[in-house]
Amino acid sequence: MDALCGHHRRLLAERDRIDALAGTVSRTIAELEQSRKDGTPMTAINRPENLFEGIQPSQ
């Protein structure tokens, strides 16, 4: 039972990490599309705290 509970916690943590990565990719796509559309600079995704959200330093 302990092993199963531990596995569940790790899966939930991984889900949170993947959700953060998916959000980062989604925002990047939106900003790239907006930039192509009207020529605005891509200021949000150029900031490291935005570009690498959800990526663990060990990866």
C-alpha atoms as a PDB file:
ATOM      1  CA  MET A   1       0.000   0.000   0.000  1.00  0.00           C
ATOM      2  CA  ASP A   2       2.825   2.431   0.854  1.00  0.00           C
ATOM      3  CA  ALA A   3       4.472   1.816  -2.508  1.00  0.00           C
ATOM      4  CA  LEU A   4       1.222   2.466  -4.346  1.00  0.00           C
ATOM      5  CA  CYS A   5       0.628   5.709  -2.430  1.00  0.00           C
ATOM      6  CA  GLY A   6       4.182   6.836  -3.168  1.00  0.00           C
ATOM      7  CA  HIS A   7       3.742   6.026  -6.849  1.00  0.00           C
ATOM      8  CA  HIS A   8       0.505   8.014  -6.886  1.00  0.00           C
ATOM      9  CA  ARG A   9       2.226  11.055  -5.356  1.00  0.00           C
ATOM     10  CA  ARG A  10       4.989  10.879  -7.975  1.00  0.00           C
ATOM     11  CA  LEU A  11       2.432  10.619 -10.772  1.00  0.00           C
ATOM     12  CA  LEU A  12       0.580  13.666  -9.478  1.00  0.00           C
ATOM     13  CA  ALA A  13       3.841  15.629  -9.276  1.00  0.00           C
ATOM     14  CA  GLU A  14       4.717  14.588 -12.830  1.00  0.00           C
ATOM     15  CA  ARG A  15       1.258  15.650 -14.000  1.00  0.00           C
ATOM     16  CA  ASP A  16       1.792  19.087 -12.459  1.00  0.00           C
ATOM     17  CA  ARG A  17       5.175  19.381 -14.187  1.00  0.00           C
ATOM     18  CA  ILE A  18       3.703  18.363 -17.549  1.00  0.00           C
ATOM     19  CA  ASP A  19       0.818  20.824 -17.087  1.00  0.00           C
ATOM     20  CA  ALA A  20       3.362  23.604 -16.516  1.00  0.00           C
ATOM     21  CA  LEU A  21       5.295  22.565 -19.639  1.00  0.00           C
ATOM     22  CA  ALA A  22       2.108  22.442 -21.708  1.00  0.00           C
ATOM     23  CA  GLY A  23       1.196  25.925 -20.503  1.00  0.00           C
ATOM     24  CA  THR A  24       4.639  27.216 -21.465  1.00  0.00           C
ATOM     25  CA  VAL A  25       4.336  25.714 -24.946  1.00  0.00           C
ATOM     26  CA  SER A  26       0.819  27.112 -25.342  1.00  0.00           C
ATOM     27  CA  ARG A  27       1.913  30.634 -24.378  1.00  0.00           C
ATOM     28  CA  THR A  28       4.913  30.365 -26.701  1.00  0.00           C
ATOM     29  CA  ILE A  29       2.698  29.354 -29.616  1.00  0.00           C
ATOM     30  CA  ALA A  30       0.272  32.204 -28.902  1.00  0.00           C
ATOM     31  CA  GLU A  31       3.066  34.762 -28.719  1.00  0.00           C
ATOM     32  CA  LEU A  32       4.711  33.482 -31.915  1.00  0.00           C
ATOM     33  CA  GLU A  33       1.374  33.625 -33.741  1.00  0.00           C
ATOM     34  CA  GLN A  34       0.722  37.162 -32.479  1.00  0.00           C
ATOM     35  CA  SER A  35       4.207  38.244 -33.499  1.00  0.00           C
ATOM     36  CA  ARG A  36       3.739  36.847 -37.002  1.00  0.00           C
ATOM     37  CA  LYS A  37       0.346  38.524 -37.269  1.00  0.00           C
ATOM     38  CA  ASP A  38       1.266  42.051 -36.223  1.00  0.00           C
ATOM     39  CA  GLY A  39       5.043  42.144 -35.880  1.00  0.00           C
ATOM     40  CA  THR A  40       5.070  42.692 -32.111  1.00  0.00           C
ATOM     41  CA  PRO A  41       8.243  41.594 -30.330  1.00  0.00           C
ATOM     42  CA  MET A  42       8.180  38.337 -28.399  1.00  0.00           C
ATOM     43  CA  THR A  43       8.994  39.846 -25.019  1.00  0.00           C
ATOM     44  CA  ALA A  44       7.197  37.375 -22.737  1.00  0.00           C
ATOM     45  CA  ILE A  45       8.764  34.178 -24.052  1.00  0.00           C
ATOM     46  CA  ASN A  46      12.213  35.733 -24.191  1.00  0.00           C
ATOM     47  CA  ARG A  47      12.293  35.949 -20.386  1.00  0.00           C
ATOM     48  CA  PRO A  48      13.975  32.839 -18.899  1.00  0.00           C
ATOM     49  CA  GLU A  49      11.431  32.522 -16.095  1.00  0.00           C
ATOM     50  CA  ASN A  50       8.703  32.201 -18.742  1.00  0.00           C
ATOM     51  CA  LEU A  51      10.598  30.207 -21.337  1.00  0.00           C
ATOM     52  CA  PHE A  52      11.710  27.474 -18.932  1.00  0.00           C
ATOM     53  CA  GLU A  53       8.666  27.245 -16.661  1.00  0.00           C
ATOM     54  CA  GLY A  54       8.026  23.616 -15.791  1.00  0.00           C
ATOM     55  CA  ILE A  55      11.506  22.446 -16.731  1.00  0.00           C
ATOM     56  CA  GLN A  56      13.499  21.035 -13.864  1.00  0.00           C
ATOM     57  CA  PRO A  57      17.118  22.255 -13.645  1.00  0.00           C
ATOM     58  CA  SER A  58      18.393  18.668 -13.711  1.00  0.00           C
ATOM     59  CA  GLN A  59      17.002  18.120 -17.213  1.00  0.00           C
END
